[in-house]
Amino acid sequence: MGLGLRFVLTGAKRVVDSRAMYAQVVVTDDCNLTCSYCDEYAPGAPKIPIAELKRRVDKLDELGVQVFDFLGGEPLMHPDIAELIRHVKSKRGGTNLATIITNAFLLSEKGIRDLNDAGLDFMQVSVDAVAPVPGTYKTLKSVMPRLRLLAKEAKFKVEIQTVLNDDTYAQYDEFRSQLADLPFAFGVSIMHGPGGQIAIRGQKFIDLLAKYGIFEGVNFYPDHLKEMLAGDFSRPCKCLAGFKFLYVSARGNVQWCAQQREYAFPLDRMTPRELRANDRHKPCESGCSLGCVRMVSHTLGEPLKTMGASLSLALKMQR
């Protein structure tokens, strides 16, 4: 696993230096599904050549990135995804972290073993409900055989991630019950609308998250999240996207995140000076519910407040 002492010490440096920490890298915009709440795919889009993806990894490593999060579209549609993971783990003596976000539909025994051999650290599997609900195909009815295959074969950590909205809320208790015998962690993403702004409200969501004890795991911003779910967006925050958190589009541009696309700077021209220029408040901060951006911004922007959650996550990843 990448979360050793060297990883932690380098991560501590990222609190004060001018280098990046975390990168989401799109390997293809193509996807095998067409979920209505998602706008991060283009069916039939080309796969980025592996040589180009390796160059992007090299540049991100040069900029200081320790955590590489590969996504799409659907990243398992890329035929060389295991080779790309292996390339990441060749950096920094393998003390970095390589993850994949997938819908799991394309998982196979061979594919899992290839990812094991490549050194994948973590896989986030997006599953929203027990049975089909409006807007999503990602249900236990569809992927349970693949989840059991993961439980049997995977040497990397697996987290089941659910997009929380009115439809998935209604099935969540049963959802957790059906997965109780599998050795996976759980997380939630909060339904967002255009621009990444939170799209759900209500005490029932607060109660559900409290019931399962996953506020700490909901991307390090429990107090903000509770307030936003109650309709209060007054608490200030500072987004570190474009500085500590980088989103690299299929075109090779750094964006603030998947939802904010007006900023697009070529990765191959990115410098520490340009990173520092993004160390500023963004107009989209109020009401933002993008978990990965929030996680990095809170962890590195408020290290003393989030130290407990950071250590808890590190310990879980080491087990």
C-alpha atoms as a PDB file:
ATOM      1  CA  MET A   1       0.000   0.000   0.000  1.00  0.00           C
ATOM      2  CA  GLY A   2       1.115   3.530  -0.733  1.00  0.00           C
ATOM      3  CA  LEU A   3       0.144   4.976   2.686  1.00  0.00           C
ATOM      4  CA  GLY A   4       3.440   4.376   4.442  1.00  0.00           C
ATOM      5  CA  LEU A   5       5.620   6.787   6.447  1.00  0.00           C
ATOM      6  CA  ARG A   6       7.108   8.339   3.322  1.00  0.00           C
ATOM      7  CA  PHE A   7       3.638   9.017   1.933  1.00  0.00           C
ATOM      8  CA  VAL A   8       2.516  10.664   5.175  1.00  0.00           C
ATOM      9  CA  LEU A   9       5.656  12.817   5.479  1.00  0.00           C
ATOM     10  CA  THR A  10       5.418  13.972   1.870  1.00  0.00           C
ATOM     11  CA  GLY A  11       1.731  14.684   2.376  1.00  0.00           C
ATOM     12  CA  ALA A  12       2.622  16.867   5.360  1.00  0.00           C
ATOM     13  CA  LYS A  13       4.957  18.886   3.129  1.00  0.00           C
ATOM     14  CA  ARG A  14       2.072  19.540   0.735  1.00  0.00           C
ATOM     15  CA  VAL A  15       0.392  21.617   3.440  1.00  0.00           C
ATOM     16  CA  VAL A  16       3.071  24.295   3.096  1.00  0.00           C
ATOM     17  CA  ASP A  17       4.714  23.855  -0.310  1.00  0.00           C
ATOM     18  CA  SER A  18       3.591  24.909  -3.801  1.00  0.00           C
ATOM     19  CA  ARG A  19       3.176  21.474  -5.321  1.00  0.00           C
ATOM     20  CA  ALA A  20       0.097  19.394  -6.133  1.00  0.00           C
ATOM     21  CA  MET A  21      -1.059  16.407  -4.081  1.00  0.00           C
ATOM     22  CA  TYR A  22      -3.978  14.677  -5.816  1.00  0.00           C
ATOM     23  CA  ALA A  23      -4.902  14.218  -9.471  1.00  0.00           C
ATOM     24  CA  GLN A  24      -7.968  12.831 -11.156  1.00  0.00           C
ATOM     25  CA  VAL A  25      -6.982  11.658 -14.631  1.00  0.00           C
ATOM     26  CA  VAL A  26      -9.525  10.809 -17.317  1.00  0.00           C
ATOM     27  CA  VAL A  27      -8.326   7.854 -19.409  1.00  0.00           C
ATOM     28  CA  THR A  28     -11.331   7.908 -21.748  1.00  0.00           C
ATOM     29  CA  ASP A  29     -14.624   9.780 -21.986  1.00  0.00           C
ATOM     30  CA  ASP A  30     -16.241   6.594 -23.303  1.00  0.00           C
ATOM     31  CA  CYS A  31     -18.628   4.740 -21.007  1.00  0.00           C
ATOM     32  CA  ASN A  32     -20.690   1.564 -21.208  1.00  0.00           C
ATOM     33  CA  LEU A  33     -23.536   3.227 -19.276  1.00  0.00           C
ATOM     34  CA  THR A  34     -25.594   6.399 -19.702  1.00  0.00           C
ATOM     35  CA  CYS A  35     -26.723   7.397 -16.201  1.00  0.00           C
ATOM     36  CA  SER A  36     -28.931  10.479 -16.393  1.00  0.00           C
ATOM     37  CA  TYR A  37     -27.335  12.347 -13.468  1.00  0.00           C
ATOM     38  CA  CYS A  38     -23.839  12.082 -14.987  1.00  0.00           C
ATOM     39  CA  ASP A  39     -22.364  14.451 -17.577  1.00  0.00           C
ATOM     40  CA  GLU A  40     -18.832  13.073 -17.518  1.00  0.00           C
ATOM     41  CA  TYR A  41     -19.001  10.675 -20.448  1.00  0.00           C
ATOM     42  CA  ALA A  42     -19.299  10.602 -24.239  1.00  0.00           C
ATOM     43  CA  PRO A  43     -20.250   7.183 -25.658  1.00  0.00           C
ATOM     44  CA  GLY A  44     -17.855   6.124 -28.392  1.00  0.00           C
ATOM     45  CA  ALA A  45     -15.131   8.569 -27.383  1.00  0.00           C
ATOM     46  CA  PRO A  46     -11.578   7.375 -28.126  1.00  0.00           C
ATOM     47  CA  LYS A  47      -9.229   5.866 -25.589  1.00  0.00           C
ATOM     48  CA  ILE A  48      -6.186   8.014 -24.919  1.00  0.00           C
ATOM     49  CA  PRO A  49      -3.003   6.244 -26.127  1.00  0.00           C
ATOM     50  CA  ILE A  50      -1.057   4.660 -23.289  1.00  0.00           C
ATOM     51  CA  ALA A  51       2.121   6.532 -24.243  1.00  0.00           C
ATOM     52  CA  GLU A  52       0.299   9.849 -23.800  1.00  0.00           C
ATOM     53  CA  LEU A  53      -1.201   8.770 -20.481  1.00  0.00           C
ATOM     54  CA  LYS A  54       2.250   7.804 -19.229  1.00  0.00           C
ATOM     55  CA  ARG A  55       3.562  11.238 -20.206  1.00  0.00           C
ATOM     56  CA  ARG A  56       0.747  12.823 -18.222  1.00  0.00           C
ATOM     57  CA  VAL A  57       1.592  10.684 -15.200  1.00  0.00           C
ATOM     58  CA  ASP A  58       5.251  11.710 -15.517  1.00  0.00           C
ATOM     59  CA  LYS A  59       4.288  15.389 -15.577  1.00  0.00           C
ATOM     60  CA  LEU A  60       1.952  15.038 -12.609  1.00  0.00           C
ATOM     61  CA  ASP A  61       4.653  13.222 -10.662  1.00  0.00           C
ATOM     62  CA  GLU A  62       7.008  16.079 -11.474  1.00  0.00           C
ATOM     63  CA  LEU A  63       4.406  18.497 -10.064  1.00  0.00           C
ATOM     64  CA  GLY A  64       4.342  16.531  -6.815  1.00  0.00           C
ATOM     65  CA  VAL A  65       1.213  14.380  -7.156  1.00  0.00           C
ATOM     66  CA  GLN A  66       1.037  11.437  -4.755  1.00  0.00           C
ATOM     67  CA  VAL A  67      -2.505  10.217  -5.375  1.00  0.00           C
ATOM     68  CA  PHE A  68      -3.573   9.231  -8.893  1.00  0.00           C
ATOM     69  CA  ASP A  69      -7.277   8.659  -9.367  1.00  0.00           C
ATOM     70  CA  PHE A  70      -8.143   7.196 -12.789  1.00  0.00           C
ATOM     71  CA  LEU A  71     -11.635   7.682 -14.108  1.00  0.00           C
ATOM     72  CA  GLY A  72     -13.744   8.261 -17.197  1.00  0.00           C
ATOM     73  CA  GLY A  73     -16.209   7.660 -18.643  1.00  0.00           C
ATOM     74  CA  GLU A  74     -15.462   4.131 -17.557  1.00  0.00           C
ATOM     75  CA  PRO A  75     -11.710   3.536 -16.996  1.00  0.00           C
ATOM     76  CA  LEU A  76     -11.976  -0.244 -17.364  1.00  0.00           C
ATOM     77  CA  MET A  77     -12.849   0.350 -21.024  1.00  0.00           C
ATOM     78  CA  HIS A  78      -9.209   1.329 -21.543  1.00  0.00           C
ATOM     79  CA  PRO A  79      -7.284  -1.787 -22.647  1.00  0.00           C
ATOM     80  CA  ASP A  80      -4.039  -0.638 -20.998  1.00  0.00           C
ATOM     81  CA  ILE A  81      -5.347   0.437 -17.609  1.00  0.00           C
ATOM     82  CA  ALA A  82      -3.255  -2.139 -15.723  1.00  0.00           C
ATOM     83  CA  GLU A  83      -0.120  -0.997 -17.550  1.00  0.00           C
ATOM     84  CA  LEU A  84      -0.906   2.577 -16.551  1.00  0.00           C
ATOM     85  CA  ILE A  85      -1.271   1.580 -12.892  1.00  0.00           C
ATOM     86  CA  ARG A  86       2.063  -0.207 -13.089  1.00  0.00           C
ATOM     87  CA  HIS A  87       3.659   2.952 -14.488  1.00  0.00           C
ATOM     88  CA  VAL A  88       2.288   5.022 -11.588  1.00  0.00           C
ATOM     89  CA  LYS A  89       3.616   2.555  -9.037  1.00  0.00           C
ATOM     90  CA  SER A  90       7.079   2.748 -10.626  1.00  0.00           C
ATOM     91  CA  LYS A  91       7.276   6.329  -9.323  1.00  0.00           C
ATOM     92  CA  ARG A  92       8.506   7.316  -5.846  1.00  0.00           C
ATOM     93  CA  GLY A  93       9.430   3.738  -5.070  1.00  0.00           C
ATOM     94  CA  GLY A  94       5.759   2.795  -5.136  1.00  0.00           C
ATOM     95  CA  THR A  95       4.955   4.997  -2.124  1.00  0.00           C
ATOM     96  CA  ASN A  96       2.286   6.868  -4.069  1.00  0.00           C
ATOM     97  CA  LEU A  97      -1.347   5.797  -4.328  1.00  0.00           C
ATOM     98  CA  ALA A  98      -3.161   4.505  -7.431  1.00  0.00           C
ATOM     99  CA  THR A  99      -6.949   4.262  -7.508  1.00  0.00           C
ATOM    100  CA  ILE A 100      -9.717   3.547 -10.020  1.00  0.00           C
ATOM    101  CA  ILE A 101     -13.348   4.688 -10.006  1.00  0.00           C
ATOM    102  CA  THR A 102     -15.492   2.174 -11.899  1.00  0.00           C
ATOM    103  CA  ASN A 103     -19.041   0.913 -12.322  1.00  0.00           C
ATOM    104  CA  ALA A 104     -17.627  -2.670 -12.184  1.00  0.00           C
ATOM    105  CA  PHE A 105     -19.690  -3.955 -15.122  1.00  0.00           C
ATOM    106  CA  LEU A 106     -16.524  -4.863 -17.040  1.00  0.00           C
ATOM    107  CA  LEU A 107     -14.653  -6.570 -14.214  1.00  0.00           C
ATOM    108  CA  SER A 108     -13.360 -10.075 -14.849  1.00  0.00           C
ATOM    109  CA  GLU A 109     -11.169 -12.487 -12.921  1.00  0.00           C
ATOM    110  CA  LYS A 110      -8.257 -11.831 -15.274  1.00  0.00           C
ATOM    111  CA  GLY A 111      -8.774  -8.082 -15.074  1.00  0.00           C
ATOM    112  CA  ILE A 112      -8.715  -8.127 -11.274  1.00  0.00           C
ATOM    113  CA  ARG A 113      -5.553 -10.233 -11.230  1.00  0.00           C
ATOM    114  CA  ASP A 114      -3.903  -7.874 -13.724  1.00  0.00           C
ATOM    115  CA  LEU A 115      -4.699  -4.954 -11.427  1.00  0.00           C
ATOM    116  CA  ASN A 116      -3.370  -6.915  -8.445  1.00  0.00           C
ATOM    117  CA  ASP A 117      -0.111  -7.535 -10.283  1.00  0.00           C
ATOM    118  CA  ALA A 118       0.120  -3.896 -11.365  1.00  0.00           C
ATOM    119  CA  GLY A 119      -0.075  -2.738  -7.742  1.00  0.00           C
ATOM    120  CA  LEU A 120      -3.465  -1.027  -7.631  1.00  0.00           C
ATOM    121  CA  ASP A 121      -4.099   0.279  -4.118  1.00  0.00           C
ATOM    122  CA  PHE A 122      -7.765   1.137  -4.135  1.00  0.00           C
ATOM    123  CA  MET A 123     -10.923   0.716  -6.202  1.00  0.00           C
ATOM    124  CA  GLN A 124     -14.088   2.731  -5.757  1.00  0.00           C
ATOM    125  CA  VAL A 125     -17.088   0.899  -7.181  1.00  0.00           C
ATOM    126  CA  SER A 126     -20.116   3.050  -7.964  1.00  0.00           C
ATOM    127  CA  VAL A 127     -23.319   1.221  -6.992  1.00  0.00           C
ATOM    128  CA  ASP A 128     -26.425   3.247  -6.257  1.00  0.00           C
ATOM    129  CA  ALA A 129     -29.301   0.947  -5.326  1.00  0.00           C
ATOM    130  CA  VAL A 130     -30.554  -2.605  -4.874  1.00  0.00           C
ATOM    131  CA  ALA A 131     -32.812  -2.550  -7.936  1.00  0.00           C
ATOM    132  CA  PRO A 132     -33.143  -0.095 -10.825  1.00  0.00           C
ATOM    133  CA  VAL A 133     -34.231   3.445  -9.962  1.00  0.00           C
ATOM    134  CA  PRO A 134     -34.676   6.399 -12.322  1.00  0.00           C
ATOM    135  CA  GLY A 135     -31.445   7.616 -13.835  1.00  0.00           C
ATOM    136  CA  THR A 136     -28.990   4.857 -12.949  1.00  0.00           C
ATOM    137  CA  TYR A 137     -28.082   1.353 -14.113  1.00  0.00           C
ATOM    138  CA  LYS A 138     -25.629   0.831 -11.262  1.00  0.00           C
ATOM    139  CA  THR A 139     -27.514  -1.594  -9.027  1.00  0.00           C
ATOM    140  CA  LEU A 140     -26.742  -4.674  -6.979  1.00  0.00           C
ATOM    141  CA  LYS A 141     -29.004  -6.653  -9.270  1.00  0.00           C
ATOM    142  CA  SER A 142     -26.525  -5.921 -12.072  1.00  0.00           C
ATOM    143  CA  VAL A 143     -23.139  -6.117 -10.364  1.00  0.00           C
ATOM    144  CA  MET A 144     -23.412  -8.446  -7.355  1.00  0.00           C
ATOM    145  CA  PRO A 145     -21.573 -11.312  -9.119  1.00  0.00           C
ATOM    146  CA  ARG A 146     -18.700  -8.946  -9.865  1.00  0.00           C
ATOM    147  CA  LEU A 147     -18.633  -7.679  -6.292  1.00  0.00           C
ATOM    148  CA  ARG A 148     -18.338 -11.245  -5.043  1.00  0.00           C
ATOM    149  CA  LEU A 149     -15.535 -11.791  -7.539  1.00  0.00           C
ATOM    150  CA  LEU A 150     -13.778  -8.724  -6.128  1.00  0.00           C
ATOM    151  CA  ALA A 151     -14.184 -10.048  -2.592  1.00  0.00           C
ATOM    152  CA  LYS A 152     -12.568 -13.315  -3.664  1.00  0.00           C
ATOM    153  CA  GLU A 153      -9.743 -12.060  -5.884  1.00  0.00           C
ATOM    154  CA  ALA A 154      -8.837  -8.428  -5.146  1.00  0.00           C
ATOM    155  CA  LYS A 155      -5.683  -7.659  -3.192  1.00  0.00           C
ATOM    156  CA  PHE A 156      -6.512  -3.938  -3.219  1.00  0.00           C
ATOM    157  CA  LYS A 157      -8.981  -2.116  -0.989  1.00  0.00           C
ATOM    158  CA  VAL A 158     -12.544  -1.739  -2.299  1.00  0.00           C
ATOM    159  CA  GLU A 159     -15.123   0.891  -1.385  1.00  0.00           C
ATOM    160  CA  ILE A 160     -18.746   0.847  -2.505  1.00  0.00           C
ATOM    161  CA  GLN A 161     -19.750   4.406  -3.354  1.00  0.00           C
ATOM    162  CA  THR A 162     -23.390   5.476  -3.655  1.00  0.00           C
ATOM    163  CA  VAL A 163     -24.791   8.687  -5.092  1.00  0.00           C
ATOM    164  CA  LEU A 164     -27.287   9.779  -2.474  1.00  0.00           C
ATOM    165  CA  ASN A 165     -30.607  11.200  -3.659  1.00  0.00           C
ATOM    166  CA  ASP A 166     -34.315  10.628  -2.982  1.00  0.00           C
ATOM    167  CA  ASP A 167     -34.430   7.372  -4.964  1.00  0.00           C
ATOM    168  CA  THR A 168     -31.290   5.773  -3.526  1.00  0.00           C
ATOM    169  CA  TYR A 169     -32.156   6.943  -0.003  1.00  0.00           C
ATOM    170  CA  ALA A 170     -35.290   4.792  -0.056  1.00  0.00           C
ATOM    171  CA  GLN A 171     -33.272   1.616  -0.697  1.00  0.00           C
ATOM    172  CA  TYR A 172     -30.150   2.350   1.329  1.00  0.00           C
ATOM    173  CA  ASP A 173     -30.959   0.271   4.413  1.00  0.00           C
ATOM    174  CA  GLU A 174     -31.661  -2.794   2.283  1.00  0.00           C
ATOM    175  CA  PHE A 175     -28.613  -1.975   0.156  1.00  0.00           C
ATOM    176  CA  ARG A 176     -26.301  -2.093   3.166  1.00  0.00           C
ATOM    177  CA  SER A 177     -27.971  -5.235   4.452  1.00  0.00           C
ATOM    178  CA  GLN A 178     -27.380  -7.111   1.204  1.00  0.00           C
ATOM    179  CA  LEU A 179     -23.679  -6.199   1.248  1.00  0.00           C
ATOM    180  CA  ALA A 180     -23.105  -6.913   4.930  1.00  0.00           C
ATOM    181  CA  ASP A 181     -21.153 -10.120   4.308  1.00  0.00           C
ATOM    182  CA  LEU A 182     -18.660  -8.529   1.904  1.00  0.00           C
ATOM    183  CA  PRO A 183     -15.356  -7.062   3.207  1.00  0.00           C
ATOM    184  CA  PHE A 184     -15.813  -3.627   1.685  1.00  0.00           C
ATOM    185  CA  ALA A 185     -15.876  -0.067   2.970  1.00  0.00           C
ATOM    186  CA  PHE A 186     -18.759   2.267   2.149  1.00  0.00           C
ATOM    187  CA  GLY A 187     -19.040   5.888   1.137  1.00  0.00           C
ATOM    188  CA  VAL A 188     -21.530   8.269  -0.352  1.00  0.00           C
ATOM    189  CA  SER A 189     -21.444  11.025  -2.928  1.00  0.00           C
ATOM    190  CA  ILE A 190     -24.015  13.758  -2.532  1.00  0.00           C
ATOM    191  CA  MET A 191     -26.166  14.323  -5.595  1.00  0.00           C
ATOM    192  CA  HIS A 192     -25.052  17.492  -7.364  1.00  0.00           C
ATOM    193  CA  GLY A 193     -26.491  19.592 -10.126  1.00  0.00           C
ATOM    194  CA  PRO A 194     -24.809  21.834 -12.715  1.00  0.00           C
ATOM    195  CA  GLY A 195     -21.525  23.283 -11.535  1.00  0.00           C
ATOM    196  CA  GLY A 196     -21.215  20.759  -8.715  1.00  0.00           C
ATOM    197  CA  GLN A 197     -23.773  22.456  -6.470  1.00  0.00           C
ATOM    198  CA  ILE A 198     -25.619  20.269  -3.961  1.00  0.00           C
ATOM    199  CA  ALA A 199     -28.924  19.053  -5.382  1.00  0.00           C
ATOM    200  CA  ILE A 200     -30.630  17.459  -2.374  1.00  0.00           C
ATOM    201  CA  ARG A 201     -31.918  18.790   0.946  1.00  0.00           C
ATOM    202  CA  GLY A 202     -33.524  17.371   4.028  1.00  0.00           C
ATOM    203  CA  GLN A 203     -33.109  16.051   7.555  1.00  0.00           C
ATOM    204  CA  LYS A 204     -33.693  12.493   6.335  1.00  0.00           C
ATOM    205  CA  PHE A 205     -30.321  12.545   4.556  1.00  0.00           C
ATOM    206  CA  ILE A 206     -28.578  13.878   7.652  1.00  0.00           C
ATOM    207  CA  ASP A 207     -30.186  11.141   9.735  1.00  0.00           C
ATOM    208  CA  LEU A 208     -29.194   8.429   7.268  1.00  0.00           C
ATOM    209  CA  LEU A 209     -25.557   9.503   7.224  1.00  0.00           C
ATOM    210  CA  ALA A 210     -25.492   9.743  11.008  1.00  0.00           C
ATOM    211  CA  LYS A 211     -27.063   6.286  11.327  1.00  0.00           C
ATOM    212  CA  TYR A 212     -24.274   4.619   9.423  1.00  0.00           C
ATOM    213  CA  GLY A 213     -21.526   6.610  11.081  1.00  0.00           C
ATOM    214  CA  ILE A 214     -20.042   7.781   7.815  1.00  0.00           C
ATOM    215  CA  PHE A 215     -19.997  11.545   8.203  1.00  0.00           C
ATOM    216  CA  GLU A 216     -16.248  11.421   8.840  1.00  0.00           C
ATOM    217  CA  GLY A 217     -15.858   9.329   5.728  1.00  0.00           C
ATOM    218  CA  VAL A 218     -17.953  11.709   3.636  1.00  0.00           C
ATOM    219  CA  ASN A 219     -14.941  13.538   2.340  1.00  0.00           C
ATOM    220  CA  PHE A 220     -13.817  15.275   5.507  1.00  0.00           C
ATOM    221  CA  TYR A 221     -16.499  17.976   5.647  1.00  0.00           C
ATOM    222  CA  PRO A 222     -19.246  16.732   7.984  1.00  0.00           C
ATOM    223  CA  ASP A 223     -20.234  20.094   9.465  1.00  0.00           C
ATOM    224  CA  HIS A 224     -20.391  21.773   6.056  1.00  0.00           C
ATOM    225  CA  LEU A 225     -22.371  18.866   4.663  1.00  0.00           C
ATOM    226  CA  LYS A 226     -24.952  18.864   7.451  1.00  0.00           C
ATOM    227  CA  GLU A 227     -25.472  22.584   6.982  1.00  0.00           C
ATOM    228  CA  MET A 228     -25.791  22.339   3.207  1.00  0.00           C
ATOM    229  CA  LEU A 229     -28.296  19.504   3.488  1.00  0.00           C
ATOM    230  CA  ALA A 230     -30.286  21.845   5.728  1.00  0.00           C
ATOM    231  CA  GLY A 231     -30.031  24.650   3.137  1.00  0.00           C
ATOM    232  CA  ASP A 232     -27.369  26.747   4.907  1.00  0.00           C
ATOM    233  CA  PHE A 233     -24.426  27.746   2.664  1.00  0.00           C
ATOM    234  CA  SER A 234     -22.956  30.476   4.862  1.00  0.00           C
ATOM    235  CA  ARG A 235     -19.912  28.616   6.211  1.00  0.00           C
ATOM    236  CA  PRO A 236     -16.784  29.815   4.369  1.00  0.00           C
ATOM    237  CA  CYS A 237     -14.364  27.419   2.696  1.00  0.00           C
ATOM    238  CA  LYS A 238     -11.464  27.688   0.274  1.00  0.00           C
ATOM    239  CA  CYS A 239     -11.245  25.382  -2.723  1.00  0.00           C
ATOM    240  CA  LEU A 240      -7.725  24.202  -3.575  1.00  0.00           C
ATOM    241  CA  ALA A 241      -8.631  22.914  -7.035  1.00  0.00           C
ATOM    242  CA  GLY A 242      -6.026  23.771  -9.644  1.00  0.00           C
ATOM    243  CA  PHE A 243      -3.448  23.986  -6.864  1.00  0.00           C
ATOM    244  CA  LYS A 244      -3.398  20.867  -4.670  1.00  0.00           C
ATOM    245  CA  PHE A 245      -6.165  19.046  -6.555  1.00  0.00           C
ATOM    246  CA  LEU A 246      -5.849  18.666 -10.342  1.00  0.00           C
ATOM    247  CA  TYR A 247      -8.453  17.314 -12.735  1.00  0.00           C
ATOM    248  CA  VAL A 248      -6.922  16.303 -16.075  1.00  0.00           C
ATOM    249  CA  SER A 249      -9.445  16.013 -18.892  1.00  0.00           C
ATOM    250  CA  ALA A 250      -9.209  13.613 -21.810  1.00  0.00           C
ATOM    251  CA  ARG A 251      -7.787  16.503 -23.850  1.00  0.00           C
ATOM    252  CA  GLY A 252      -4.910  16.866 -21.411  1.00  0.00           C
ATOM    253  CA  ASN A 253      -6.082  20.117 -19.829  1.00  0.00           C
ATOM    254  CA  VAL A 254      -6.055  20.824 -16.114  1.00  0.00           C
ATOM    255  CA  GLN A 255      -9.480  21.954 -14.921  1.00  0.00           C
ATOM    256  CA  TRP A 256     -10.503  22.941 -11.415  1.00  0.00           C
ATOM    257  CA  CYS A 257     -12.742  19.881 -11.369  1.00  0.00           C
ATOM    258  CA  ALA A 258     -15.043  17.819 -13.588  1.00  0.00           C
ATOM    259  CA  GLN A 259     -17.867  20.351 -13.268  1.00  0.00           C
ATOM    260  CA  GLN A 260     -16.019  23.672 -13.645  1.00  0.00           C
ATOM    261  CA  ARG A 261     -14.686  23.863 -17.182  1.00  0.00           C
ATOM    262  CA  GLU A 262     -13.995  27.539 -17.812  1.00  0.00           C
ATOM    263  CA  TYR A 263     -10.442  27.099 -16.512  1.00  0.00           C
ATOM    264  CA  ALA A 264      -8.473  24.822 -18.846  1.00  0.00           C
ATOM    265  CA  PHE A 265      -4.679  24.958 -18.710  1.00  0.00           C
ATOM    266  CA  PRO A 266      -2.537  22.485 -20.694  1.00  0.00           C
ATOM    267  CA  LEU A 267      -0.975  19.970 -18.314  1.00  0.00           C
ATOM    268  CA  ASP A 268       2.271  19.890 -20.284  1.00  0.00           C
ATOM    269  CA  ARG A 269       2.708  23.630 -19.607  1.00  0.00           C
ATOM    270  CA  MET A 270       1.711  23.543 -15.940  1.00  0.00           C
ATOM    271  CA  THR A 271       4.257  25.053 -13.527  1.00  0.00           C
ATOM    272  CA  PRO A 272       4.417  25.665  -9.771  1.00  0.00           C
ATOM    273  CA  ARG A 273       3.747  29.322 -10.526  1.00  0.00           C
ATOM    274  CA  GLU A 274       0.479  28.443 -12.290  1.00  0.00           C
ATOM    275  CA  LEU A 275      -0.437  26.126  -9.425  1.00  0.00           C
ATOM    276  CA  ARG A 276       0.054  28.971  -6.939  1.00  0.00           C
ATOM    277  CA  ALA A 277      -2.108  31.252  -9.079  1.00  0.00           C
ATOM    278  CA  ASN A 278      -5.020  28.873  -8.346  1.00  0.00           C
ATOM    279  CA  ASP A 279      -4.511  29.179  -4.601  1.00  0.00           C
ATOM    280  CA  ARG A 280      -7.549  31.447  -4.332  1.00  0.00           C
ATOM    281  CA  HIS A 281     -11.248  31.392  -3.666  1.00  0.00           C
ATOM    282  CA  LYS A 282     -13.426  30.112  -6.508  1.00  0.00           C
ATOM    283  CA  PRO A 283     -16.849  31.540  -7.395  1.00  0.00           C
ATOM    284  CA  CYS A 284     -18.403  28.059  -7.121  1.00  0.00           C
ATOM    285  CA  GLU A 285     -17.339  27.303  -3.522  1.00  0.00           C
ATOM    286  CA  SER A 286     -20.668  27.952  -1.808  1.00  0.00           C
ATOM    287  CA  GLY A 287     -22.828  24.845  -2.049  1.00  0.00           C
ATOM    288  CA  CYS A 288     -20.144  22.688  -3.690  1.00  0.00           C
ATOM    289  CA  SER A 289     -20.724  18.990  -2.990  1.00  0.00           C
ATOM    290  CA  LEU A 290     -17.849  17.466  -4.992  1.00  0.00           C
ATOM    291  CA  GLY A 291     -16.342  15.121  -2.450  1.00  0.00           C
ATOM    292  CA  CYS A 292     -12.827  14.585  -3.802  1.00  0.00           C
ATOM    293  CA  VAL A 293     -12.175  18.310  -4.183  1.00  0.00           C
ATOM    294  CA  ARG A 294     -13.592  18.912  -0.728  1.00  0.00           C
ATOM    295  CA  MET A 295     -11.456  16.154   0.778  1.00  0.00           C
ATOM    296  CA  VAL A 296      -8.199  17.625  -0.529  1.00  0.00           C
ATOM    297  CA  SER A 297      -9.205  21.212   0.233  1.00  0.00           C
ATOM    298  CA  HIS A 298     -10.176  20.453   3.824  1.00  0.00           C
ATOM    299  CA  THR A 299      -7.290  18.066   4.516  1.00  0.00           C
ATOM    300  CA  LEU A 300      -4.547  20.387   3.268  1.00  0.00           C
ATOM    301  CA  GLY A 301      -6.307  23.686   3.926  1.00  0.00           C
ATOM    302  CA  GLU A 302      -7.314  22.877   7.511  1.00  0.00           C
ATOM    303  CA  PRO A 303      -4.782  20.222   8.605  1.00  0.00           C
ATOM    304  CA  LEU A 304      -5.265  20.607  12.352  1.00  0.00           C
ATOM    305  CA  LYS A 305      -9.056  20.286  12.141  1.00  0.00           C
ATOM    306  CA  THR A 306      -8.895  17.250   9.864  1.00  0.00           C
ATOM    307  CA  MET A 307      -5.925  15.468  11.440  1.00  0.00           C
ATOM    308  CA  GLY A 308      -8.109  12.915  13.214  1.00  0.00           C
ATOM    309  CA  ALA A 309      -9.995  11.999  10.057  1.00  0.00           C
ATOM    310  CA  SER A 310      -6.746  11.836   8.064  1.00  0.00           C
ATOM    311  CA  LEU A 311      -5.132   9.464  10.542  1.00  0.00           C
ATOM    312  CA  SER A 312      -8.279   7.335  10.680  1.00  0.00           C
ATOM    313  CA  LEU A 313      -8.298   6.990   6.903  1.00  0.00           C
ATOM    314  CA  ALA A 314      -4.582   6.170   6.820  1.00  0.00           C
ATOM    315  CA  LEU A 315      -5.011   3.423   9.409  1.00  0.00           C
ATOM    316  CA  LYS A 316      -7.945   1.923   7.496  1.00  0.00           C
ATOM    317  CA  MET A 317      -5.921   1.872   4.276  1.00  0.00           C
ATOM    318  CA  GLN A 318      -3.024   0.083   5.996  1.00  0.00           C
ATOM    319  CA  ARG A 319      -5.185  -2.808   7.228  1.00  0.00           C
END
